[in-house]
């Protein structure tokens, strides 16, 4: 792997039916750029977006249930633990 950190540099393209690698078109900034490199970065940004959305949903859900428990007369410790018990 070279200094640019492109993950596709680890997986050379193979010619079907043989063990030989075929040439890869090089582009600036990525030693093995092309569809494979853009797919890997696209998948990484999708995963990061899903985790960000899940974290936001978890915080909003916890705050809502915590407030609901406090309104219904639970003490502070129970109001913290009840949303965690429901989430698990």
N, C-alpha and C. Protein backbone atom coordinates (compact mmCIF):
# COMPACT_ATOMS: atom_id res chain seq x y z
N UNK A 1 0.85 -1.17 0.00
CA UNK A 1 0.00 0.00 0.00
C UNK A 1 0.90 1.23 0.00
N UNK A 2 0.53 2.22 -0.75
CA UNK A 2 1.33 3.42 -0.83
C UNK A 2 0.86 4.44 0.18
N UNK A 3 1.49 5.61 0.18
CA UNK A 3 1.23 6.63 1.17
C UNK A 3 -0.12 7.32 1.09
N UNK A 4 -0.86 7.16 -0.02
CA UNK A 4 -2.14 7.87 -0.13
C UNK A 4 -3.24 7.21 0.68
N UNK A 5 -3.09 5.95 1.05
CA UNK A 5 -4.06 5.29 1.89
C UNK A 5 -5.29 4.78 1.17
N UNK A 6 -5.22 4.56 -0.12
CA UNK A 6 -6.36 4.04 -0.85
C UNK A 6 -6.54 2.56 -0.53
N UNK A 7 -7.70 2.16 0.03
CA UNK A 7 -7.87 0.77 0.41
C UNK A 7 -7.88 -0.20 -0.75
N UNK A 8 -8.19 0.26 -1.96
CA UNK A 8 -8.25 -0.67 -3.08
C UNK A 8 -6.87 -1.11 -3.53
N UNK A 9 -5.81 -0.50 -3.03
CA UNK A 9 -4.46 -0.90 -3.41
C UNK A 9 -4.14 -2.30 -2.88
N UNK A 10 -4.89 -2.77 -1.88
CA UNK A 10 -4.64 -4.09 -1.33
C UNK A 10 -5.23 -5.21 -2.18
N UNK A 11 -6.21 -4.90 -3.01
CA UNK A 11 -6.93 -5.92 -3.77
C UNK A 11 -6.74 -5.70 -5.27
N UNK A 12 -5.70 -6.28 -5.87
CA UNK A 12 -5.51 -6.08 -7.30
C UNK A 12 -6.61 -6.78 -8.10
N UNK A 13 -6.97 -6.18 -9.22
CA UNK A 13 -7.95 -6.81 -10.10
C UNK A 13 -7.35 -8.05 -10.72
N UNK A 14 -8.16 -9.06 -10.88
CA UNK A 14 -7.69 -10.31 -11.47
C UNK A 14 -8.41 -10.56 -12.78
N UNK A 15 -7.69 -11.16 -13.74
CA UNK A 15 -8.31 -11.58 -14.99
C UNK A 15 -9.04 -12.88 -14.70
N UNK A 16 -10.29 -12.97 -15.13
CA UNK A 16 -11.10 -14.15 -14.84
C UNK A 16 -10.44 -15.40 -15.42
N UNK A 17 -10.33 -16.42 -14.58
CA UNK A 17 -9.80 -17.70 -15.06
C UNK A 17 -8.29 -17.82 -15.00
N UNK A 18 -7.59 -16.79 -14.57
CA UNK A 18 -6.14 -16.89 -14.46
C UNK A 18 -5.69 -16.23 -13.17
N UNK A 19 -4.48 -16.49 -12.77
CA UNK A 19 -3.96 -15.90 -11.55
C UNK A 19 -3.23 -14.58 -11.79
N UNK A 20 -3.26 -14.10 -13.04
CA UNK A 20 -2.51 -12.88 -13.37
C UNK A 20 -3.35 -11.64 -13.10
N UNK A 21 -2.69 -10.58 -12.65
CA UNK A 21 -3.38 -9.30 -12.48
C UNK A 21 -3.42 -8.57 -13.80
N UNK A 22 -4.51 -7.88 -14.05
CA UNK A 22 -4.56 -7.05 -15.26
C UNK A 22 -4.21 -5.62 -14.88
N UNK A 23 -3.78 -4.83 -15.82
CA UNK A 23 -3.39 -3.46 -15.52
C UNK A 23 -4.58 -2.65 -15.00
N UNK A 24 -4.29 -1.73 -14.11
CA UNK A 24 -5.32 -0.88 -13.51
C UNK A 24 -5.07 0.56 -13.95
N UNK A 25 -6.09 1.27 -14.43
CA UNK A 25 -5.87 2.66 -14.83
C UNK A 25 -5.59 3.54 -13.62
N UNK A 26 -4.46 4.20 -13.62
CA UNK A 26 -4.08 5.04 -12.48
C UNK A 26 -4.60 6.46 -12.69
N UNK A 27 -5.09 7.05 -11.61
CA UNK A 27 -5.53 8.42 -11.63
C UNK A 27 -4.85 9.16 -10.50
N UNK A 28 -4.72 10.48 -10.58
CA UNK A 28 -4.03 11.23 -9.53
C UNK A 28 -4.70 11.06 -8.17
N UNK A 29 -3.90 10.89 -7.13
CA UNK A 29 -4.39 10.85 -5.77
C UNK A 29 -4.74 9.47 -5.26
N UNK A 30 -4.77 8.48 -6.11
CA UNK A 30 -5.12 7.13 -5.69
C UNK A 30 -4.30 6.14 -6.51
N UNK A 31 -3.48 5.31 -5.87
CA UNK A 31 -2.63 4.41 -6.63
C UNK A 31 -3.42 3.38 -7.43
N UNK A 32 -4.61 3.03 -6.97
CA UNK A 32 -5.45 2.07 -7.69
C UNK A 32 -6.87 2.61 -7.69
N UNK A 33 -7.07 3.71 -8.36
CA UNK A 33 -8.38 4.36 -8.32
C UNK A 33 -9.32 3.73 -9.33
N UNK A 34 -10.52 4.23 -9.37
CA UNK A 34 -11.52 3.70 -10.27
C UNK A 34 -12.76 3.33 -9.48
N UNK A 35 -13.54 2.41 -10.05
CA UNK A 35 -14.81 2.03 -9.42
C UNK A 35 -14.61 1.41 -8.04
N UNK A 36 -13.60 0.58 -7.88
CA UNK A 36 -13.39 -0.12 -6.61
C UNK A 36 -13.11 0.88 -5.49
N UNK A 37 -12.27 1.86 -5.75
CA UNK A 37 -11.92 2.85 -4.73
C UNK A 37 -13.15 3.69 -4.37
N UNK A 38 -13.93 4.10 -5.36
CA UNK A 38 -15.10 4.92 -5.07
C UNK A 38 -16.16 4.11 -4.35
N UNK A 39 -16.27 2.80 -4.63
CA UNK A 39 -17.22 1.95 -3.92
C UNK A 39 -16.86 1.82 -2.45
N UNK A 40 -15.57 1.67 -2.17
CA UNK A 40 -15.13 1.52 -0.78
C UNK A 40 -15.38 2.80 0.00
N UNK A 41 -15.04 3.94 -0.57
CA UNK A 41 -15.28 5.21 0.12
C UNK A 41 -16.77 5.49 0.23
N UNK A 42 -17.54 5.12 -0.77
CA UNK A 42 -18.99 5.30 -0.71
C UNK A 42 -19.61 4.45 0.38
N UNK A 43 -19.15 3.22 0.52
CA UNK A 43 -19.66 2.34 1.57
C UNK A 43 -19.28 2.88 2.95
N UNK A 44 -18.08 3.42 3.07
CA UNK A 44 -17.64 3.98 4.36
C UNK A 44 -18.48 5.17 4.78
N UNK A 45 -18.80 6.04 3.83
CA UNK A 45 -19.62 7.20 4.18
C UNK A 45 -21.05 6.79 4.49
N UNK A 46 -21.55 5.75 3.83
CA UNK A 46 -22.89 5.25 4.13
C UNK A 46 -22.94 4.68 5.55
N UNK A 47 -21.95 3.90 5.92
CA UNK A 47 -21.90 3.33 7.26
C UNK A 47 -21.79 4.43 8.31
N UNK A 48 -20.95 5.43 8.06
CA UNK A 48 -20.82 6.54 9.01
C UNK A 48 -22.13 7.30 9.15
N UNK A 49 -22.85 7.49 8.05
CA UNK A 49 -24.13 8.18 8.10
C UNK A 49 -25.17 7.41 8.89
N UNK A 50 -25.19 6.08 8.72
CA UNK A 50 -26.14 5.25 9.46
C UNK A 50 -25.84 5.30 10.95
N UNK A 51 -24.56 5.22 11.32
CA UNK A 51 -24.20 5.30 12.74
C UNK A 51 -24.55 6.66 13.33
N UNK A 52 -24.34 7.73 12.58
CA UNK A 52 -24.70 9.06 13.06
C UNK A 52 -26.20 9.17 13.28
N UNK A 53 -26.98 8.69 12.35
CA UNK A 53 -28.43 8.73 12.48
C UNK A 53 -28.91 7.88 13.67
N UNK A 54 -28.30 6.72 13.87
CA UNK A 54 -28.66 5.86 15.00
C UNK A 54 -28.32 6.52 16.33
N UNK A 55 -27.19 7.22 16.39
CA UNK A 55 -26.81 7.91 17.63
C UNK A 55 -27.78 9.04 17.95
N UNK A 56 -28.17 9.80 16.93
CA UNK A 56 -29.13 10.88 17.15
C UNK A 56 -30.47 10.32 17.62
N UNK A 57 -30.93 9.24 17.00
CA UNK A 57 -32.19 8.62 17.40
C UNK A 57 -32.13 8.09 18.82
N UNK A 58 -30.99 7.52 19.22
CA UNK A 58 -30.84 7.00 20.58
C UNK A 58 -30.90 8.12 21.61
N UNK A 59 -30.25 9.24 21.33
CA UNK A 59 -30.26 10.38 22.27
C UNK A 59 -31.66 10.95 22.38
N UNK A 60 -32.34 11.14 21.28
CA UNK A 60 -33.70 11.70 21.31
C UNK A 60 -34.64 10.76 22.05
N UNK A 61 -34.54 9.47 21.80
CA UNK A 61 -35.39 8.49 22.46
C UNK A 61 -35.13 8.47 23.97
N UNK A 62 -33.85 8.48 24.37
CA UNK A 62 -33.51 8.48 25.79
C UNK A 62 -34.06 9.71 26.49
N UNK A 63 -33.87 10.87 25.88
CA UNK A 63 -34.36 12.12 26.50
C UNK A 63 -35.88 12.11 26.65
N UNK A 64 -36.58 11.60 25.66
CA UNK A 64 -38.04 11.54 25.72
C UNK A 64 -38.49 10.62 26.85
N UNK A 65 -37.92 9.42 26.92
CA UNK A 65 -38.34 8.47 27.95
C UNK A 65 -37.94 8.94 29.34
N UNK A 66 -36.80 9.60 29.47
CA UNK A 66 -36.35 10.14 30.76
C UNK A 66 -37.34 11.19 31.25
N UNK A 67 -37.73 12.10 30.37
CA UNK A 67 -38.70 13.13 30.73
C UNK A 67 -40.05 12.51 31.08
N UNK A 68 -40.47 11.49 30.34
CA UNK A 68 -41.74 10.81 30.61
C UNK A 68 -41.73 10.16 32.00
N UNK A 69 -40.63 9.53 32.35
CA UNK A 69 -40.51 8.90 33.68
C UNK A 69 -40.56 9.95 34.79
N UNK A 70 -39.88 11.07 34.59
CA UNK A 70 -39.91 12.13 35.61
C UNK A 70 -41.31 12.70 35.78
N UNK A 71 -42.03 12.87 34.68
CA UNK A 71 -43.40 13.40 34.75
C UNK A 71 -44.35 12.47 35.51
N UNK A 72 -44.08 11.17 35.43
CA UNK A 72 -44.96 10.20 36.08
C UNK A 72 -44.48 9.84 37.49
N UNK A 73 -43.60 10.65 38.07
CA UNK A 73 -43.25 10.52 39.47
C UNK A 73 -42.10 9.60 39.81
N UNK A 74 -41.35 9.12 38.85
CA UNK A 74 -40.18 8.30 39.15
C UNK A 74 -39.06 9.18 39.68
N UNK A 75 -38.22 8.61 40.57
CA UNK A 75 -37.06 9.39 41.04
C UNK A 75 -36.01 9.45 39.92
N UNK A 76 -34.97 10.25 40.14
CA UNK A 76 -34.00 10.52 39.08
C UNK A 76 -33.28 9.24 38.63
N UNK A 77 -32.87 8.40 39.59
CA UNK A 77 -32.15 7.17 39.22
C UNK A 77 -33.03 6.25 38.37
N UNK A 78 -34.27 6.08 38.76
CA UNK A 78 -35.18 5.25 37.98
C UNK A 78 -35.44 5.86 36.61
N UNK A 79 -35.53 7.18 36.54
CA UNK A 79 -35.77 7.85 35.27
C UNK A 79 -34.58 7.69 34.31
N UNK A 80 -33.40 7.46 34.87
CA UNK A 80 -32.23 7.21 34.02
C UNK A 80 -32.17 5.74 33.61
N UNK A 81 -32.49 4.84 34.55
CA UNK A 81 -32.33 3.41 34.27
C UNK A 81 -33.46 2.82 33.42
N UNK A 82 -34.66 3.33 33.55
CA UNK A 82 -35.79 2.77 32.79
C UNK A 82 -35.58 2.87 31.27
N UNK A 83 -35.18 4.03 30.74
CA UNK A 83 -34.95 4.07 29.28
C UNK A 83 -33.82 3.14 28.83
N UNK A 84 -32.80 2.95 29.68
CA UNK A 84 -31.72 2.03 29.31
C UNK A 84 -32.20 0.59 29.32
N UNK A 85 -33.07 0.23 30.26
CA UNK A 85 -33.59 -1.14 30.33
C UNK A 85 -34.50 -1.43 29.13
N UNK A 86 -35.26 -0.46 28.70
CA UNK A 86 -36.16 -0.65 27.56
C UNK A 86 -35.34 -0.79 26.26
N UNK A 87 -34.26 -0.04 26.15
CA UNK A 87 -33.45 -0.05 24.92
C UNK A 87 -32.72 -1.37 24.75
N UNK A 88 -32.39 -2.04 25.82
CA UNK A 88 -31.64 -3.29 25.73
C UNK A 88 -32.59 -4.39 25.50
